[in-house]
Amino acid sequence: MLQFEQTFRNFLLRHQEKHNRTYHFLILMDAIVTAAKRIELYYRTGALKGHLGVAGSINVHGENVMQMDEFAHQIVLHYLTQTERVIQVVSEESEDIIDLNKNGGRYFVYFDPLDGSSNVAHGLPVGFMFGISKRNLDGNIQGPEDFHLRAGREYIAAGMFVIPTGMFTMALRDAGCWRFHSDETATYVKPVRMVLPESTKKWELSFNAGNINTFSEKIQTWIKEKIPQYNFRYIGALAGDFHRLLANGGIFMYPAIVNHPNPKENRPQGKLRLLYEANVVAFMCKEAGGDAIDETGTRILDIQPQKHHQRTTLYVGSKPLIEDLAKFLKS
């Protein structure tokens, strides 16, 4: 007896019909999925074709750009442009906001085309992360459409591909967080709803242990209290670490760096970018039953961005841990 799994496209089509929505979003998501498949193809063949090295340039964040960073950025931009439904995009690899279709577009897309690119040279998993918000078509968003940068609470969807594992996780506003697997035809199938486990037996703490002495004394105290209770896991790429967290529960942390021996290395505002990293995982985590805050205890999804490459501290994961940390930070 043949078995057939529900495809991502069918899943999304049913979702749009259920909520009496147009198919514009399907066209956008088809482009994003196609871009992810193309990035994965380049990554899988990168070692043979010499695509895994450094490009020889520095990006807007002062980081070395990998060849795969440039390829991934160009791929995503190409497919988003073809949809003719995107107003503007913010990419980690572009210093400026990129206008695509300001007159006829419907969506804003924020993306990191290759999260964890330091893993590329070693063939380890990387991520393609994205968040989507919608233009003010029906007046639900206060004020006229001015192409402003949106807070995470205004996203309609967010997701990430963990490359080259063939796994794709996506959250839809008020409709849950779902994981899909690539089958032998490279089709994403078998939606599984992701819900952070309530049991603490599998919960994990995930942070860069090498930086612990550079954190604030308050954060160091909280971490040292929790370490004996949970497992420690850290992959070194937000997409990979958050991928684990959704299945096992716990907390991923990227605190402020405030006590570095070299003051120039301090990052009091945090390192991760709000629009296309922190908001993406915070949105998915919320739909999976969790939450996310910054180092002031403010919910990540409530932060109104002031600039498109704005940085933030990040604490994301199981709600009891986030609530405990927030209470501790505000005490």
C-alpha atoms as a PDB file:
ATOM      1  CA  MET A   1       0.000   0.000   0.000  1.00  0.00           C
ATOM      2  CA  LEU A   2       1.464   3.337  -1.070  1.00  0.00           C
ATOM      3  CA  GLN A   3       1.803   6.072   1.539  1.00  0.00           C
ATOM      4  CA  PHE A   4       1.616   9.749   0.665  1.00  0.00           C
ATOM      5  CA  GLU A   5       2.629  12.571   2.994  1.00  0.00           C
ATOM      6  CA  GLN A   6       1.020  16.004   2.893  1.00  0.00           C
ATOM      7  CA  THR A   7       3.260  18.478   1.099  1.00  0.00           C
ATOM      8  CA  PHE A   8       4.170  21.924   2.388  1.00  0.00           C
ATOM      9  CA  ARG A   9       2.423  23.520  -0.581  1.00  0.00           C
ATOM     10  CA  ASN A  10      -0.808  21.658   0.133  1.00  0.00           C
ATOM     11  CA  PHE A  11      -0.512  22.467   3.841  1.00  0.00           C
ATOM     12  CA  LEU A  12      -0.154  26.182   3.095  1.00  0.00           C
ATOM     13  CA  LEU A  13      -2.924  26.128   0.490  1.00  0.00           C
ATOM     14  CA  ARG A  14      -5.333  24.626   3.039  1.00  0.00           C
ATOM     15  CA  HIS A  15      -4.245  27.221   5.586  1.00  0.00           C
ATOM     16  CA  GLN A  16      -4.995  30.090   3.188  1.00  0.00           C
ATOM     17  CA  GLU A  17      -8.390  28.629   2.256  1.00  0.00           C
ATOM     18  CA  LYS A  18      -9.304  28.004   5.901  1.00  0.00           C
ATOM     19  CA  HIS A  19      -8.695  31.653   6.746  1.00  0.00           C
ATOM     20  CA  ASN A  20     -10.248  32.966   3.513  1.00  0.00           C
ATOM     21  CA  ARG A  21      -6.991  34.505   2.324  1.00  0.00           C
ATOM     22  CA  THR A  22      -5.511  35.145  -1.099  1.00  0.00           C
ATOM     23  CA  TYR A  23      -2.845  33.065  -2.784  1.00  0.00           C
ATOM     24  CA  HIS A  24      -0.289  35.890  -2.887  1.00  0.00           C
ATOM     25  CA  PHE A  25       1.381  34.421   0.193  1.00  0.00           C
ATOM     26  CA  LEU A  26       1.716  31.026  -1.522  1.00  0.00           C
ATOM     27  CA  ILE A  27       3.581  32.679  -4.400  1.00  0.00           C
ATOM     28  CA  LEU A  28       5.924  34.352  -1.927  1.00  0.00           C
ATOM     29  CA  MET A  29       6.566  31.133   0.011  1.00  0.00           C
ATOM     30  CA  ASP A  30       7.129  29.161  -3.192  1.00  0.00           C
ATOM     31  CA  ALA A  31       9.931  31.602  -4.014  1.00  0.00           C
ATOM     32  CA  ILE A  32      11.466  31.265  -0.535  1.00  0.00           C
ATOM     33  CA  VAL A  33      11.365  27.450  -0.661  1.00  0.00           C
ATOM     34  CA  THR A  34      12.900  27.471  -4.160  1.00  0.00           C
ATOM     35  CA  ALA A  35      15.671  29.776  -2.949  1.00  0.00           C
ATOM     36  CA  ALA A  36      16.399  27.458  -0.001  1.00  0.00           C
ATOM     37  CA  LYS A  37      16.683  24.445  -2.308  1.00  0.00           C
ATOM     38  CA  ARG A  38      19.086  26.349  -4.557  1.00  0.00           C
ATOM     39  CA  ILE A  39      21.240  27.409  -1.587  1.00  0.00           C
ATOM     40  CA  GLU A  40      21.343  23.809  -0.385  1.00  0.00           C
ATOM     41  CA  LEU A  41      22.435  22.631  -3.837  1.00  0.00           C
ATOM     42  CA  TYR A  42      25.301  25.145  -3.895  1.00  0.00           C
ATOM     43  CA  TYR A  43      26.303  24.133  -0.375  1.00  0.00           C
ATOM     44  CA  ARG A  44      26.275  20.401  -1.112  1.00  0.00           C
ATOM     45  CA  THR A  45      28.489  20.875  -4.183  1.00  0.00           C
ATOM     46  CA  GLY A  46      30.533  23.716  -2.696  1.00  0.00           C
ATOM     47  CA  ALA A  47      33.609  21.728  -1.728  1.00  0.00           C
ATOM     48  CA  LEU A  48      33.923  20.225  -5.230  1.00  0.00           C
ATOM     49  CA  LYS A  49      33.424  23.559  -6.976  1.00  0.00           C
ATOM     50  CA  GLY A  50      35.495  25.654  -4.584  1.00  0.00           C
ATOM     51  CA  HIS A  51      32.566  27.674  -3.231  1.00  0.00           C
ATOM     52  CA  LEU A  52      33.274  27.289   0.477  1.00  0.00           C
ATOM     53  CA  GLY A  53      36.074  29.811   0.866  1.00  0.00           C
ATOM     54  CA  VAL A  54      36.228  33.448   1.928  1.00  0.00           C
ATOM     55  CA  ALA A  55      35.003  35.942  -0.673  1.00  0.00           C
ATOM     56  CA  GLY A  56      37.674  38.474   0.285  1.00  0.00           C
ATOM     57  CA  SER A  57      35.357  41.254   1.424  1.00  0.00           C
ATOM     58  CA  ILE A  58      33.936  42.572   4.699  1.00  0.00           C
ATOM     59  CA  ASN A  59      30.186  43.041   5.220  1.00  0.00           C
ATOM     60  CA  VAL A  60      28.341  45.905   6.894  1.00  0.00           C
ATOM     61  CA  HIS A  61      28.855  44.234  10.289  1.00  0.00           C
ATOM     62  CA  GLY A  62      32.644  44.061   9.941  1.00  0.00           C
ATOM     63  CA  GLU A  63      32.613  40.296   9.346  1.00  0.00           C
ATOM     64  CA  ASN A  64      34.466  38.317   6.680  1.00  0.00           C
ATOM     65  CA  VAL A  65      32.112  37.432   3.830  1.00  0.00           C
ATOM     66  CA  MET A  66      32.122  33.841   2.599  1.00  0.00           C
ATOM     67  CA  GLN A  67      31.506  33.030  -1.057  1.00  0.00           C
ATOM     68  CA  MET A  68      28.406  31.136   0.081  1.00  0.00           C
ATOM     69  CA  ASP A  69      27.148  34.303   1.826  1.00  0.00           C
ATOM     70  CA  GLU A  70      27.199  36.143  -1.489  1.00  0.00           C
ATOM     71  CA  PHE A  71      25.661  33.261  -3.424  1.00  0.00           C
ATOM     72  CA  ALA A  72      22.861  32.831  -0.888  1.00  0.00           C
ATOM     73  CA  HIS A  73      22.068  36.561  -0.852  1.00  0.00           C
ATOM     74  CA  GLN A  74      21.899  36.725  -4.656  1.00  0.00           C
ATOM     75  CA  ILE A  75      19.743  33.598  -4.843  1.00  0.00           C
ATOM     76  CA  VAL A  76      17.158  34.823  -2.310  1.00  0.00           C
ATOM     77  CA  LEU A  77      17.028  38.290  -3.848  1.00  0.00           C
ATOM     78  CA  HIS A  78      16.491  36.835  -7.326  1.00  0.00           C
ATOM     79  CA  TYR A  79      13.513  34.689  -6.368  1.00  0.00           C
ATOM     80  CA  LEU A  80      11.918  37.374  -4.181  1.00  0.00           C
ATOM     81  CA  THR A  81      12.178  39.842  -7.072  1.00  0.00           C
ATOM     82  CA  GLN A  82      10.467  37.380  -9.417  1.00  0.00           C
ATOM     83  CA  THR A  83       7.373  37.209  -7.200  1.00  0.00           C
ATOM     84  CA  GLU A  84       6.605  40.925  -7.824  1.00  0.00           C
ATOM     85  CA  ARG A  85       4.925  40.857  -4.405  1.00  0.00           C
ATOM     86  CA  VAL A  86       7.706  42.133  -2.157  1.00  0.00           C
ATOM     87  CA  ILE A  87       7.945  45.845  -1.345  1.00  0.00           C
ATOM     88  CA  GLN A  88      11.308  45.872   0.386  1.00  0.00           C
ATOM     89  CA  VAL A  89      13.836  43.426   1.784  1.00  0.00           C
ATOM     90  CA  VAL A  90      16.393  43.682   4.541  1.00  0.00           C
ATOM     91  CA  SER A  91      19.296  41.264   4.163  1.00  0.00           C
ATOM     92  CA  GLU A  92      22.239  40.746   6.481  1.00  0.00           C
ATOM     93  CA  GLU A  93      24.452  41.007   3.414  1.00  0.00           C
ATOM     94  CA  SER A  94      23.230  44.438   2.259  1.00  0.00           C
ATOM     95  CA  GLU A  95      24.075  47.701   3.984  1.00  0.00           C
ATOM     96  CA  ASP A  96      20.909  49.347   2.638  1.00  0.00           C
ATOM     97  CA  ILE A  97      17.232  48.425   2.568  1.00  0.00           C
ATOM     98  CA  ILE A  98      16.536  47.066  -0.913  1.00  0.00           C
ATOM     99  CA  ASP A  99      13.436  48.305  -2.766  1.00  0.00           C
ATOM    100  CA  LEU A 100      11.798  45.675  -4.987  1.00  0.00           C
ATOM    101  CA  ASN A 101       8.214  46.708  -5.755  1.00  0.00           C
ATOM    102  CA  LYS A 102       7.137  49.706  -3.668  1.00  0.00           C
ATOM    103  CA  ASN A 103       4.011  50.410  -5.725  1.00  0.00           C
ATOM    104  CA  GLY A 104       2.610  46.933  -6.217  1.00  0.00           C
ATOM    105  CA  GLY A 105       4.137  44.856  -3.455  1.00  0.00           C
ATOM    106  CA  ARG A 106       2.354  43.397  -0.449  1.00  0.00           C
ATOM    107  CA  TYR A 107       5.130  42.110   1.820  1.00  0.00           C
ATOM    108  CA  PHE A 108       8.308  43.073   3.638  1.00  0.00           C
ATOM    109  CA  VAL A 109      10.884  40.291   3.950  1.00  0.00           C
ATOM    110  CA  TYR A 110      13.757  40.293   6.435  1.00  0.00           C
ATOM    111  CA  PHE A 111      16.343  37.545   5.964  1.00  0.00           C
ATOM    112  CA  ASP A 112      19.728  36.164   6.881  1.00  0.00           C
ATOM    113  CA  PRO A 113      20.630  34.092   3.812  1.00  0.00           C
ATOM    114  CA  LEU A 114      23.327  32.064   5.562  1.00  0.00           C
ATOM    115  CA  ASP A 115      23.269  32.072   9.353  1.00  0.00           C
ATOM    116  CA  GLY A 116      26.357  30.498  10.915  1.00  0.00           C
ATOM    117  CA  SER A 117      28.561  30.907   7.848  1.00  0.00           C
ATOM    118  CA  SER A 118      31.670  30.231   9.946  1.00  0.00           C
ATOM    119  CA  ASN A 119      30.489  26.591   9.812  1.00  0.00           C
ATOM    120  CA  VAL A 120      30.666  26.529   6.010  1.00  0.00           C
ATOM    121  CA  ALA A 121      34.362  25.647   5.707  1.00  0.00           C
ATOM    122  CA  HIS A 122      33.773  22.602   7.915  1.00  0.00           C
ATOM    123  CA  GLY A 123      30.639  21.324   6.170  1.00  0.00           C
ATOM    124  CA  LEU A 124      28.532  21.853   9.293  1.00  0.00           C
ATOM    125  CA  PRO A 125      24.859  22.933   9.228  1.00  0.00           C
ATOM    126  CA  VAL A 126      23.960  26.530   8.457  1.00  0.00           C
ATOM    127  CA  GLY A 127      20.634  28.315   8.331  1.00  0.00           C
ATOM    128  CA  PHE A 128      18.538  30.431   5.993  1.00  0.00           C
ATOM    129  CA  MET A 129      16.276  32.519   8.255  1.00  0.00           C
ATOM    130  CA  PHE A 130      13.426  34.813   7.263  1.00  0.00           C
ATOM    131  CA  GLY A 131      10.606  36.915   8.673  1.00  0.00           C
ATOM    132  CA  ILE A 132       7.639  38.343   6.773  1.00  0.00           C
ATOM    133  CA  SER A 133       5.334  41.256   7.496  1.00  0.00           C
ATOM    134  CA  LYS A 134       2.511  42.644   5.395  1.00  0.00           C
ATOM    135  CA  ARG A 135       1.800  46.136   4.121  1.00  0.00           C
ATOM    136  CA  ASN A 136      -1.144  48.077   5.506  1.00  0.00           C
ATOM    137  CA  LEU A 137      -3.798  46.880   3.055  1.00  0.00           C
ATOM    138  CA  ASP A 138      -6.822  46.833   5.344  1.00  0.00           C
ATOM    139  CA  GLY A 139      -6.110  49.350   8.077  1.00  0.00           C
ATOM    140  CA  ASN A 140      -5.377  46.734  10.753  1.00  0.00           C
ATOM    141  CA  ILE A 141      -1.934  48.249  11.243  1.00  0.00           C
ATOM    142  CA  GLN A 142      -2.256  51.701  12.757  1.00  0.00           C
ATOM    143  CA  GLY A 143      -1.289  54.647  10.572  1.00  0.00           C
ATOM    144  CA  PRO A 144      -0.717  54.940   6.835  1.00  0.00           C
ATOM    145  CA  GLU A 145       1.744  52.695   5.026  1.00  0.00           C
ATOM    146  CA  ASP A 146       5.121  54.393   5.283  1.00  0.00           C
ATOM    147  CA  PHE A 147       7.389  51.390   4.624  1.00  0.00           C
ATOM    148  CA  HIS A 148       8.466  51.484   8.265  1.00  0.00           C
ATOM    149  CA  LEU A 149      10.390  48.673   9.910  1.00  0.00           C
ATOM    150  CA  ARG A 150       8.035  46.370  11.753  1.00  0.00           C
ATOM    151  CA  ALA A 151       8.204  45.002  15.271  1.00  0.00           C
ATOM    152  CA  GLY A 152       8.187  41.222  15.509  1.00  0.00           C
ATOM    153  CA  ARG A 153       4.610  41.178  16.806  1.00  0.00           C
ATOM    154  CA  GLU A 154       3.550  42.465  13.367  1.00  0.00           C
ATOM    155  CA  TYR A 155       5.162  39.582  11.453  1.00  0.00           C
ATOM    156  CA  ILE A 156       2.732  37.231   9.777  1.00  0.00           C
ATOM    157  CA  ALA A 157       5.239  34.390   9.388  1.00  0.00           C
ATOM    158  CA  ALA A 158       8.816  33.426  10.151  1.00  0.00           C
ATOM    159  CA  GLY A 159      10.912  30.387   9.453  1.00  0.00           C
ATOM    160  CA  MET A 160      14.278  28.783   8.905  1.00  0.00           C
ATOM    161  CA  PHE A 161      15.875  26.110   6.769  1.00  0.00           C
ATOM    162  CA  VAL A 162      18.687  24.113   8.372  1.00  0.00           C
ATOM    163  CA  ILE A 163      21.025  23.357   5.480  1.00  0.00           C
ATOM    164  CA  PRO A 164      21.954  20.714   4.370  1.00  0.00           C
ATOM    165  CA  THR A 165      19.771  18.636   6.722  1.00  0.00           C
ATOM    166  CA  GLY A 166      16.649  18.943   4.540  1.00  0.00           C
ATOM    167  CA  MET A 167      14.592  20.301   7.440  1.00  0.00           C
ATOM    168  CA  PHE A 168      12.407  23.396   7.352  1.00  0.00           C
ATOM    169  CA  THR A 169      10.549  24.960  10.285  1.00  0.00           C
ATOM    170  CA  MET A 170       7.963  27.703   9.884  1.00  0.00           C
ATOM    171  CA  ALA A 171       5.518  29.538  12.128  1.00  0.00           C
ATOM    172  CA  LEU A 172       2.306  31.230  11.001  1.00  0.00           C
ATOM    173  CA  ARG A 173       0.760  33.918  13.161  1.00  0.00           C
ATOM    174  CA  ASP A 174      -1.788  32.394  15.557  1.00  0.00           C
ATOM    175  CA  ALA A 175      -1.538  29.068  13.686  1.00  0.00           C
ATOM    176  CA  GLY A 176       1.384  27.273  15.293  1.00  0.00           C
ATOM    177  CA  CYS A 177       4.950  26.317  14.482  1.00  0.00           C
ATOM    178  CA  TRP A 178       5.469  23.470  12.001  1.00  0.00           C
ATOM    179  CA  ARG A 179       8.423  21.364  10.855  1.00  0.00           C
ATOM    180  CA  PHE A 180       8.742  19.784   7.408  1.00  0.00           C
ATOM    181  CA  HIS A 181      11.197  17.231   6.002  1.00  0.00           C
ATOM    182  CA  SER A 182      12.578  17.025   2.474  1.00  0.00           C
ATOM    183  CA  ASP A 183      11.780  13.705   0.787  1.00  0.00           C
ATOM    184  CA  GLU A 184      13.646  11.918  -2.004  1.00  0.00           C
ATOM    185  CA  THR A 185      12.138  14.301  -4.588  1.00  0.00           C
ATOM    186  CA  ALA A 186      13.323  17.378  -2.606  1.00  0.00           C
ATOM    187  CA  THR A 187       9.712  18.161  -1.716  1.00  0.00           C
ATOM    188  CA  TYR A 188       8.993  19.377   1.820  1.00  0.00           C
ATOM    189  CA  VAL A 189       6.415  17.047   3.372  1.00  0.00           C
ATOM    190  CA  LYS A 190       4.930  15.693   6.592  1.00  0.00           C
ATOM    191  CA  PRO A 191       4.027  18.732   8.730  1.00  0.00           C
ATOM    192  CA  VAL A 192       4.690  18.146  12.423  1.00  0.00           C
ATOM    193  CA  ARG A 193       3.503  20.735  14.906  1.00  0.00           C
ATOM    194  CA  MET A 194       6.313  21.852  17.198  1.00  0.00           C
ATOM    195  CA  VAL A 195       5.414  22.430  20.847  1.00  0.00           C
ATOM    196  CA  LEU A 196       8.114  23.043  23.433  1.00  0.00           C
ATOM    197  CA  PRO A 197       8.100  20.093  25.878  1.00  0.00           C
ATOM    198  CA  GLU A 198       6.853  20.801  29.394  1.00  0.00           C
ATOM    199  CA  SER A 199       9.109  18.190  30.982  1.00  0.00           C
ATOM    200  CA  THR A 200      12.422  19.587  32.172  1.00  0.00           C
ATOM    201  CA  LYS A 201      14.275  16.287  31.677  1.00  0.00           C
ATOM    202  CA  LYS A 202      15.420  17.203  28.158  1.00  0.00           C
ATOM    203  CA  TRP A 203      15.731  20.966  28.658  1.00  0.00           C
ATOM    204  CA  GLU A 204      19.035  22.430  27.555  1.00  0.00           C
ATOM    205  CA  LEU A 205      21.066  25.579  28.202  1.00  0.00           C
ATOM    206  CA  SER A 206      22.687  26.894  25.050  1.00  0.00           C
ATOM    207  CA  PHE A 207      25.217  29.734  25.059  1.00  0.00           C
ATOM    208  CA  ASN A 208      28.853  30.410  24.232  1.00  0.00           C
ATOM    209  CA  ALA A 209      30.573  29.156  27.382  1.00  0.00           C
ATOM    210  CA  GLY A 210      33.822  30.759  26.251  1.00  0.00           C
ATOM    211  CA  ASN A 211      32.248  34.181  26.805  1.00  0.00           C
ATOM    212  CA  ILE A 212      30.772  33.546  30.254  1.00  0.00           C
ATOM    213  CA  ASN A 213      33.278  35.737  32.087  1.00  0.00           C
ATOM    214  CA  THR A 214      32.423  38.645  29.799  1.00  0.00           C
ATOM    215  CA  PHE A 215      28.723  38.589  30.725  1.00  0.00           C
ATOM    216  CA  SER A 216      27.273  40.863  33.404  1.00  0.00           C
ATOM    217  CA  GLU A 217      27.588  39.565  36.961  1.00  0.00           C
ATOM    218  CA  LYS A 218      23.811  39.189  37.132  1.00  0.00           C
ATOM    219  CA  ILE A 219      23.692  36.932  34.065  1.00  0.00           C
ATOM    220  CA  GLN A 220      26.665  34.917  35.307  1.00  0.00           C
ATOM    221  CA  THR A 221      24.881  34.345  38.623  1.00  0.00           C
ATOM    222  CA  TRP A 222      21.696  33.131  36.916  1.00  0.00           C
ATOM    223  CA  ILE A 223      23.612  30.793  34.613  1.00  0.00           C
ATOM    224  CA  LYS A 224      25.625  29.246  37.452  1.00  0.00           C
ATOM    225  CA  GLU A 225      22.397  28.556  39.333  1.00  0.00           C
ATOM    226  CA  LYS A 226      20.865  26.760  36.341  1.00  0.00           C
ATOM    227  CA  ILE A 227      23.818  24.791  34.955  1.00  0.00           C
ATOM    228  CA  PRO A 228      23.498  21.883  37.447  1.00  0.00           C
ATOM    229  CA  GLN A 229      19.803  21.433  36.549  1.00  0.00           C
ATOM    230  CA  TYR A 230      20.001  21.153  32.748  1.00  0.00           C
ATOM    231  CA  ASN A 231      22.116  19.812  29.884  1.00  0.00           C
ATOM    232  CA  PHE A 232      24.549  22.092  28.083  1.00  0.00           C
ATOM    233  CA  ARG A 233      24.515  22.126  24.277  1.00  0.00           C
ATOM    234  CA  TYR A 234      25.945  24.705  21.866  1.00  0.00           C
ATOM    235  CA  ILE A 235      26.387  24.372  18.093  1.00  0.00           C
ATOM    236  CA  GLY A 236      27.567  27.929  17.458  1.00  0.00           C
ATOM    237  CA  ALA A 237      24.914  28.912  14.915  1.00  0.00           C
ATOM    238  CA  LEU A 238      21.568  30.384  15.951  1.00  0.00           C
ATOM    239  CA  ALA A 239      19.553  28.327  13.452  1.00  0.00           C
ATOM    240  CA  GLY A 240      21.154  25.066  14.551  1.00  0.00           C
ATOM    241  CA  ASP A 241      20.897  25.774  18.273  1.00  0.00           C
ATOM    242  CA  PHE A 242      17.281  26.934  17.990  1.00  0.00           C
ATOM    243  CA  HIS A 243      16.444  23.877  15.879  1.00  0.00           C
ATOM    244  CA  ARG A 244      17.493  21.676  18.827  1.00  0.00           C
ATOM    245  CA  LEU A 245      15.724  23.875  21.349  1.00  0.00           C
ATOM    246  CA  LEU A 246      12.346  23.536  19.613  1.00  0.00           C
ATOM    247  CA  ALA A 247      12.523  19.778  20.052  1.00  0.00           C
ATOM    248  CA  ASN A 248      14.079  19.553  23.520  1.00  0.00           C
ATOM    249  CA  GLY A 249      13.114  22.793  25.264  1.00  0.00           C
ATOM    250  CA  GLY A 250      15.316  24.955  27.436  1.00  0.00           C
ATOM    251  CA  ILE A 251      16.857  28.320  26.632  1.00  0.00           C
ATOM    252  CA  PHE A 252      19.239  29.812  24.074  1.00  0.00           C
ATOM    253  CA  MET A 253      21.123  32.887  25.268  1.00  0.00           C
ATOM    254  CA  TYR A 254      23.242  35.534  23.602  1.00  0.00           C
ATOM    255  CA  PRO A 255      23.895  38.010  26.421  1.00  0.00           C
ATOM    256  CA  ALA A 256      25.561  41.402  26.234  1.00  0.00           C
ATOM    257  CA  ILE A 257      29.370  41.375  26.316  1.00  0.00           C
ATOM    258  CA  VAL A 258      30.326  43.932  28.966  1.00  0.00           C
ATOM    259  CA  ASN A 259      33.457  42.602  30.717  1.00  0.00           C
ATOM    260  CA  HIS A 260      35.769  41.752  27.832  1.00  0.00           C
ATOM    261  CA  PRO A 261      39.521  42.220  28.560  1.00  0.00           C
ATOM    262  CA  ASN A 262      39.651  44.294  25.376  1.00  0.00           C
ATOM    263  CA  PRO A 263      36.989  47.021  25.803  1.00  0.00           C
ATOM    264  CA  LYS A 264      36.695  47.327  22.022  1.00  0.00           C
ATOM    265  CA  GLU A 265      35.228  43.801  21.973  1.00  0.00           C
ATOM    266  CA  ASN A 266      32.359  44.682  24.318  1.00  0.00           C
ATOM    267  CA  ARG A 267      28.848  44.525  22.842  1.00  0.00           C
ATOM    268  CA  PRO A 268      26.549  46.123  25.432  1.00  0.00           C
ATOM    269  CA  GLN A 269      23.656  46.138  22.940  1.00  0.00           C
ATOM    270  CA  GLY A 270      24.160  42.487  22.016  1.00  0.00           C
ATOM    271  CA  LYS A 271      25.358  40.911  18.783  1.00  0.00           C
ATOM    272  CA  LEU A 272      22.365  39.307  17.075  1.00  0.00           C
ATOM    273  CA  ARG A 273      20.299  41.337  14.619  1.00  0.00           C
ATOM    274  CA  LEU A 274      16.741  42.067  15.643  1.00  0.00           C
ATOM    275  CA  LEU A 275      14.848  41.923  12.336  1.00  0.00           C
ATOM    276  CA  TYR A 276      16.184  38.776  10.707  1.00  0.00           C
ATOM    277  CA  GLU A 277      17.572  36.752  13.614  1.00  0.00           C
ATOM    278  CA  ALA A 278      16.040  37.535  17.019  1.00  0.00           C
ATOM    279  CA  ASN A 279      12.521  38.302  15.744  1.00  0.00           C
ATOM    280  CA  VAL A 280      12.520  35.166  13.596  1.00  0.00           C
ATOM    281  CA  VAL A 281      13.261  32.758  16.443  1.00  0.00           C
ATOM    282  CA  ALA A 282      11.137  34.752  18.922  1.00  0.00           C
ATOM    283  CA  PHE A 283       8.141  34.528  16.565  1.00  0.00           C
ATOM    284  CA  MET A 284       8.588  30.793  16.026  1.00  0.00           C
ATOM    285  CA  CYS A 285       9.129  30.209  19.741  1.00  0.00           C
ATOM    286  CA  LYS A 286       5.945  32.072  20.646  1.00  0.00           C
ATOM    287  CA  GLU A 287       3.935  29.908  18.253  1.00  0.00           C
ATOM    288  CA  ALA A 288       5.538  26.815  19.845  1.00  0.00           C
ATOM    289  CA  GLY A 289       4.487  27.920  23.332  1.00  0.00           C
ATOM    290  CA  GLY A 290       7.655  29.716  24.415  1.00  0.00           C
ATOM    291  CA  ASP A 291       8.825  33.303  24.666  1.00  0.00           C
ATOM    292  CA  ALA A 292      11.850  35.568  24.158  1.00  0.00           C
ATOM    293  CA  ILE A 293      13.241  38.628  25.944  1.00  0.00           C
ATOM    294  CA  ASP A 294      16.241  40.927  25.823  1.00  0.00           C
ATOM    295  CA  GLU A 295      18.548  41.730  28.722  1.00  0.00           C
ATOM    296  CA  THR A 296      16.158  44.353  30.127  1.00  0.00           C
ATOM    297  CA  GLY A 297      13.369  41.771  30.322  1.00  0.00           C
ATOM    298  CA  THR A 298      11.529  43.338  27.369  1.00  0.00           C
ATOM    299  CA  ARG A 299       9.817  40.883  25.030  1.00  0.00           C
ATOM    300  CA  ILE A 300      11.743  40.677  21.766  1.00  0.00           C
ATOM    301  CA  LEU A 301       8.542  40.840  19.702  1.00  0.00           C
ATOM    302  CA  ASP A 302       7.608  44.156  21.328  1.00  0.00           C
ATOM    303  CA  ILE A 303      10.805  45.990  20.410  1.00  0.00           C
ATOM    304  CA  GLN A 304      10.162  48.679  17.791  1.00  0.00           C
ATOM    305  CA  PRO A 305      13.205  48.702  15.488  1.00  0.00           C
ATOM    306  CA  GLN A 306      14.864  52.056  14.880  1.00  0.00           C
ATOM    307  CA  LYS A 307      17.210  50.856  12.142  1.00  0.00           C
ATOM    308  CA  HIS A 308      17.308  47.849   9.887  1.00  0.00           C
ATOM    309  CA  HIS A 309      20.527  46.266  11.222  1.00  0.00           C
ATOM    310  CA  GLN A 310      19.668  46.930  14.862  1.00  0.00           C
ATOM    311  CA  ARG A 311      21.302  44.536  17.326  1.00  0.00           C
ATOM    312  CA  THR A 312      19.874  43.017  20.476  1.00  0.00           C
ATOM    313  CA  THR A 313      20.607  40.633  23.285  1.00  0.00           C
ATOM    314  CA  LEU A 314      18.500  37.467  23.118  1.00  0.00           C
ATOM    315  CA  TYR A 315      17.084  34.927  25.555  1.00  0.00           C
ATOM    316  CA  VAL A 316      14.634  32.575  23.860  1.00  0.00           C
ATOM    317  CA  GLY A 317      13.052  29.292  24.904  1.00  0.00           C
ATOM    318  CA  SER A 318      10.651  27.558  27.261  1.00  0.00           C
ATOM    319  CA  LYS A 319       8.283  30.001  28.933  1.00  0.00           C
ATOM    320  CA  PRO A 320       8.972  28.992  32.576  1.00  0.00           C
ATOM    321  CA  LEU A 321      12.699  29.636  32.105  1.00  0.00           C
ATOM    322  CA  ILE A 322      12.118  32.927  30.290  1.00  0.00           C
ATOM    323  CA  GLU A 323       9.699  34.098  32.984  1.00  0.00           C
ATOM    324  CA  ASP A 324      12.157  33.108  35.718  1.00  0.00           C
ATOM    325  CA  LEU A 325      14.975  34.992  33.992  1.00  0.00           C
ATOM    326  CA  ALA A 326      12.813  38.067  33.356  1.00  0.00           C
ATOM    327  CA  LYS A 327      11.838  38.189  37.027  1.00  0.00           C
ATOM    328  CA  PHE A 328      15.509  37.807  38.005  1.00  0.00           C
ATOM    329  CA  LEU A 329      16.624  40.578  35.634  1.00  0.00           C
ATOM    330  CA  LYS A 330      14.008  42.982  36.973  1.00  0.00           C
ATOM    331  CA  SER A 331      14.644  42.204  40.628  1.00  0.00           C
END
